[in-house]
């Protein structure tokens, strides 16, 4: 596998994880309190 492919895949996974983390954080802190 070419190095560029590995770099791109790593960047995509990192972006996806950070995006999911932000969504979870926002959902957690904006959820109505019981």
PDB file of N, CA and C in Angstrom:
ATOM      1  N   UNK A   1       0.855  -1.192   0.000  1.00  0.00           N
ATOM      2  CA  UNK A   1       0.000   0.000   0.000  1.00  0.00           C
ATOM      3  C   UNK A   1       0.894   1.247   0.000  1.00  0.00           C
ATOM      4  N   UNK A   2       0.604   2.175  -0.904  1.00  0.00           N
ATOM      5  CA  UNK A   2       1.440   3.382  -0.954  1.00  0.00           C
ATOM      6  C   UNK A   2       1.327   4.196   0.334  1.00  0.00           C
ATOM      7  N   UNK A   3       2.366   4.954   0.620  1.00  0.00           N
ATOM      8  CA  UNK A   3       2.391   5.738   1.856  1.00  0.00           C
ATOM      9  C   UNK A   3       1.284   6.789   1.844  1.00  0.00           C
ATOM     10  N   UNK A   4       1.049   7.385   0.682  1.00  0.00           N
ATOM     11  CA  UNK A   4       0.018   8.432   0.611  1.00  0.00           C
ATOM     12  C   UNK A   4      -1.353   7.883   0.983  1.00  0.00           C
ATOM     13  N   UNK A   5      -1.637   6.648   0.584  1.00  0.00           N
ATOM     14  CA  UNK A   5      -2.925   6.045   0.913  1.00  0.00           C
ATOM     15  C   UNK A   5      -3.063   5.874   2.420  1.00  0.00           C
ATOM     16  N   UNK A   6      -1.980   5.425   3.051  1.00  0.00           N
ATOM     17  CA  UNK A   6      -2.014   5.233   4.506  1.00  0.00           C
ATOM     18  C   UNK A   6      -2.227   6.576   5.206  1.00  0.00           C
ATOM     19  N   UNK A   7      -1.542   7.608   4.727  1.00  0.00           N
ATOM     20  CA  UNK A   7      -1.676   8.932   5.339  1.00  0.00           C
ATOM     21  C   UNK A   7      -3.105   9.445   5.186  1.00  0.00           C
ATOM     22  N   UNK A   8      -3.667   9.295   4.008  1.00  0.00           N
ATOM     23  CA  UNK A   8      -5.037   9.771   3.768  1.00  0.00           C
ATOM     24  C   UNK A   8      -6.026   9.000   4.633  1.00  0.00           C
ATOM     25  N   UNK A   9      -5.873   7.682   4.698  1.00  0.00           N
ATOM     26  CA  UNK A   9      -6.793   6.887   5.517  1.00  0.00           C
ATOM     27  C   UNK A   9      -6.692   7.288   6.984  1.00  0.00           C
ATOM     28  N   UNK A  10      -5.468   7.496   7.458  1.00  0.00           N
ATOM     29  CA  UNK A  10      -5.280   7.901   8.852  1.00  0.00           C
ATOM     30  C   UNK A  10      -5.936   9.242   9.114  1.00  0.00           C
ATOM     31  N   UNK A  11      -5.774  10.182   8.178  1.00  0.00           N
ATOM     32  CA  UNK A  11      -6.374  11.504   8.345  1.00  0.00           C
ATOM     33  C   UNK A  11      -7.905  11.406   8.362  1.00  0.00           C
ATOM     34  N   UNK A  12      -8.455  10.587   7.490  1.00  0.00           N
ATOM     35  CA  UNK A  12      -9.912  10.439   7.437  1.00  0.00           C
ATOM     36  C   UNK A  12     -10.439   9.839   8.735  1.00  0.00           C
ATOM     37  N   UNK A  13      -9.755   8.812   9.233  1.00  0.00           N
ATOM     38  CA  UNK A  13     -10.191   8.178  10.484  1.00  0.00           C
ATOM     39  C   UNK A  13     -10.085   9.159  11.639  1.00  0.00           C
ATOM     40  N   UNK A  14      -8.998   9.932  11.686  1.00  0.00           N
ATOM     41  CA  UNK A  14      -8.829  10.905  12.766  1.00  0.00           C
ATOM     42  C   UNK A  14      -9.923  11.975  12.703  1.00  0.00           C
ATOM     43  N   UNK A  15     -10.227  12.449  11.505  1.00  0.00           N
ATOM     44  CA  UNK A  15     -11.287  13.446  11.361  1.00  0.00           C
ATOM     45  C   UNK A  15     -12.628  12.872  11.795  1.00  0.00           C
ATOM     46  N   UNK A  16     -12.902  11.631  11.396  1.00  0.00           N
ATOM     47  CA  UNK A  16     -14.164  11.002  11.756  1.00  0.00           C
ATOM     48  C   UNK A  16     -14.288  10.840  13.267  1.00  0.00           C
ATOM     49  N   UNK A  17     -13.196  10.403  13.915  1.00  0.00           N
ATOM     50  CA  UNK A  17     -13.230  10.211  15.362  1.00  0.00           C
ATOM     51  C   UNK A  17     -13.419  11.537  16.087  1.00  0.00           C
ATOM     52  N   UNK A  18     -12.714  12.567  15.637  1.00  0.00           N
ATOM     53  CA  UNK A  18     -12.853  13.865  16.300  1.00  0.00           C
ATOM     54  C   UNK A  18     -14.265  14.410  16.091  1.00  0.00           C
ATOM     55  N   UNK A  19     -14.814  14.233  14.895  1.00  0.00           N
ATOM     56  CA  UNK A  19     -16.172  14.694  14.609  1.00  0.00           C
ATOM     57  C   UNK A  19     -17.185  13.958  15.487  1.00  0.00           C
ATOM     58  N   UNK A  20     -17.026  12.645  15.600  1.00  0.00           N
ATOM     59  CA  UNK A  20     -17.923  11.858  16.440  1.00  0.00           C
ATOM     60  C   UNK A  20     -17.774  12.270  17.898  1.00  0.00           C
ATOM     61  N   UNK A  21     -16.540  12.543  18.330  1.00  0.00           N
ATOM     62  CA  UNK A  21     -16.313  12.978  19.708  1.00  0.00           C
ATOM     63  C   UNK A  21     -17.010  14.298  19.992  1.00  0.00           C
ATOM     64  N   UNK A  22     -16.923  15.227  19.047  1.00  0.00           N
ATOM     65  CA  UNK A  22     -17.586  16.525  19.229  1.00  0.00           C
ATOM     66  C   UNK A  22     -19.101  16.337  19.293  1.00  0.00           C
ATOM     67  N   UNK A  23     -19.633  15.487  18.431  1.00  0.00           N
ATOM     68  CA  UNK A  23     -21.078  15.252  18.453  1.00  0.00           C
ATOM     69  C   UNK A  23     -21.516  14.656  19.787  1.00  0.00           C
ATOM     70  N   UNK A  24     -20.735  13.692  20.299  1.00  0.00           N
ATOM     71  CA  UNK A  24     -21.078  13.085  21.577  1.00  0.00           C
ATOM     72  C   UNK A  24     -20.994  14.110  22.704  1.00  0.00           C
ATOM     73  N   UNK A  25     -19.958  14.962  22.652  1.00  0.00           N
ATOM     74  CA  UNK A  25     -19.776  15.984  23.694  1.00  0.00           C
ATOM     75  C   UNK A  25     -20.948  16.959  23.687  1.00  0.00           C
ATOM     76  N   UNK A  26     -21.330  17.428  22.486  1.00  0.00           N
ATOM     77  CA  UNK A  26     -22.447  18.366  22.366  1.00  0.00           C
ATOM     78  C   UNK A  26     -23.740  17.704  22.836  1.00  0.00           C
ATOM     79  N   UNK A  27     -23.950  16.465  22.422  1.00  0.00           N
ATOM     80  CA  UNK A  27     -25.167  15.754  22.803  1.00  0.00           C
ATOM     81  C   UNK A  27     -25.215  15.559  24.317  1.00  0.00           C
ATOM     82  N   UNK A  28     -24.057  15.279  24.912  1.00  0.00           N
ATOM     83  CA  UNK A  28     -24.008  15.040  26.350  1.00  0.00           C
ATOM     84  C   UNK A  28     -24.298  16.317  27.125  1.00  0.00           C
ATOM     85  N   UNK A  29     -23.723  17.433  26.677  1.00  0.00           N
ATOM     86  CA  UNK A  29     -23.842  18.663  27.459  1.00  0.00           C
ATOM     87  C   UNK A  29     -25.069  19.504  27.102  1.00  0.00           C
ATOM     88  N   UNK A  30     -25.756  19.152  26.014  1.00  0.00           N
ATOM     89  CA  UNK A  30     -26.979  19.897  25.689  1.00  0.00           C
ATOM     90  C   UNK A  30     -28.222  19.068  25.994  1.00  0.00           C
ATOM     91  N   UNK A  31     -28.014  17.840  26.466  1.00  0.00           N
ATOM     92  CA  UNK A  31     -29.164  17.001  26.787  1.00  0.00           C
ATOM     93  C   UNK A  31     -29.912  17.580  27.984  1.00  0.00           C
ATOM     94  N   UNK A  32     -31.236  17.519  27.951  1.00  0.00           N
ATOM     95  CA  UNK A  32     -32.016  18.021  29.093  1.00  0.00           C
ATOM     96  C   UNK A  32     -31.732  17.199  30.339  1.00  0.00           C
ATOM     97  N   UNK A  33     -31.605  17.888  31.446  1.00  0.00           N
ATOM     98  CA  UNK A  33     -31.342  17.186  32.698  1.00  0.00           C
ATOM     99  C   UNK A  33     -32.630  16.543  33.215  1.00  0.00           C
ATOM    100  N   UNK A  34     -32.546  15.329  33.731  1.00  0.00           N
ATOM    101  CA  UNK A  34     -33.745  14.640  34.257  1.00  0.00           C
ATOM    102  C   UNK A  34     -34.223  15.308  35.545  1.00  0.00           C
TER     103      UNK A  34
END
